[in-house]
Amino acid sequence: MSEHEPEFSLQCPLPIREYPNVTLAHGGGGRLTRDLIGKVFHAAFGNEFLAEGHDGARVPGAGPLALTTDAFVVRPLEFPGGDIGRLAVYGTANDLAMCAAEPAWLSAAFILEEGLPMATLWRIACGMREAAKLAGVQIVAGDTKVVDRGKGDGIYIATSGAGIPRQDPGPSPRRARPGDAILLSGDLGRHAIAVMAVREGLAFETALESDCAPLWPAVRRLIEAGVELHVLRDLTRGGLTAGLNEIAETAGLRLEVDESAIPVRDEVRGACELLGLDPNYAANEGRFIACVPEAQAERALEALRAEPVSAGALRIGRVAGTGRGRVDLLTRLGARRVLDLPNGEQLPRIC
């Protein structure tokens, strides 16, 4: 650069020189995802609703309403226990449930790749219909675009949802309080491993299916039981680790979890060891964590265990107190380590 040429500069707060282009890891639910959201989208669109750090927003209007949006790029399109269409419905409905809102309406946009078999598209559409019925929602609007062959992975789906809040104030990472019990609705990692098993040709002695399911029935049980829901967070990209860290960082609190209390099936743990993965980071599509007052923890567990989707609910830790927003894991050996966000991408295209 000559001495007369002005130095290149960008106003965007993202470290451009370190990451001049988007990488797969920016979509993995770890540290780079957090940086991308915070330093680009929050910086560009920042408002009181985004500041809550939630997957959805409760917005004012003629009546209470919760809104959310999501996109799905899973590969393969169909896998044991689900497909991209079911994921699109459940994922969006579950984001509303995490706002303690009853899912009601969805819109869906389909980006189809030239050459996608019509039989595959029909199966996915039927899967969405069945999922919508189970989730209690109607798909009321949509759009379709077709891209050139080789420009997509068969089909991408983007969905938006609206629901009716059923508890006020609603759960939010900012409402976490020292002393809260941290509850987990069931075993971890089945969705990620079910998808990876198809992709990598793995076989298991017992059938392993994705955990994708609607979460509103479990949340409704908690509300009907009179449990004060401080925080709800579904465990999708980045798994348990991402969910806990998002709460800790947003609330500015320290969370403690007990590794021996975290349920992982033997076949999932074995597959994770084979693939060099940590179940705590593996994606789920039918699991969530809840932070509730300590005095209400047993009542909350009883309510969760009465619903099939959360029958395996357990207490895994507590909100320990103020701090720099970190998560401490008490290991099976009795040691303590920080459960930090991953910097890279473990499982591309799993949701």
Foldseek 3Di string as FASTA:
>chain_A
DDPPDDDDDDPQPQPCVVPVDDDLFCVQLFDNVVCCCVRPVCVVPPDPQVLLLAQWGFDDDPATKIKHKDKAAFPPQDFFAAGRLLLQQQVQQQSCVQQQFQWEEKEKEKEFEPPQDPVVVVVSVVSNVVSCVQSNYYHDYYYYHYDYHPPGNGMMMMMMTMGGHDDPPTATLQLADAQWFKKKLAAFFLLQVRSVCVVVVNDDPDDGGALAHHDNQLSVLCVVLVFDFHGKDAAFRQGQLSRLLSSLQSNQFEWEFEPVFHHYDPVRVVVCVVLVHDRRRHGHNLMMMTTTHPVCVVVSLVSSCVDVSRVRMDTTTGGHTHHRRWYWYQYPVRDIDTSHTDSGHRGRRSD
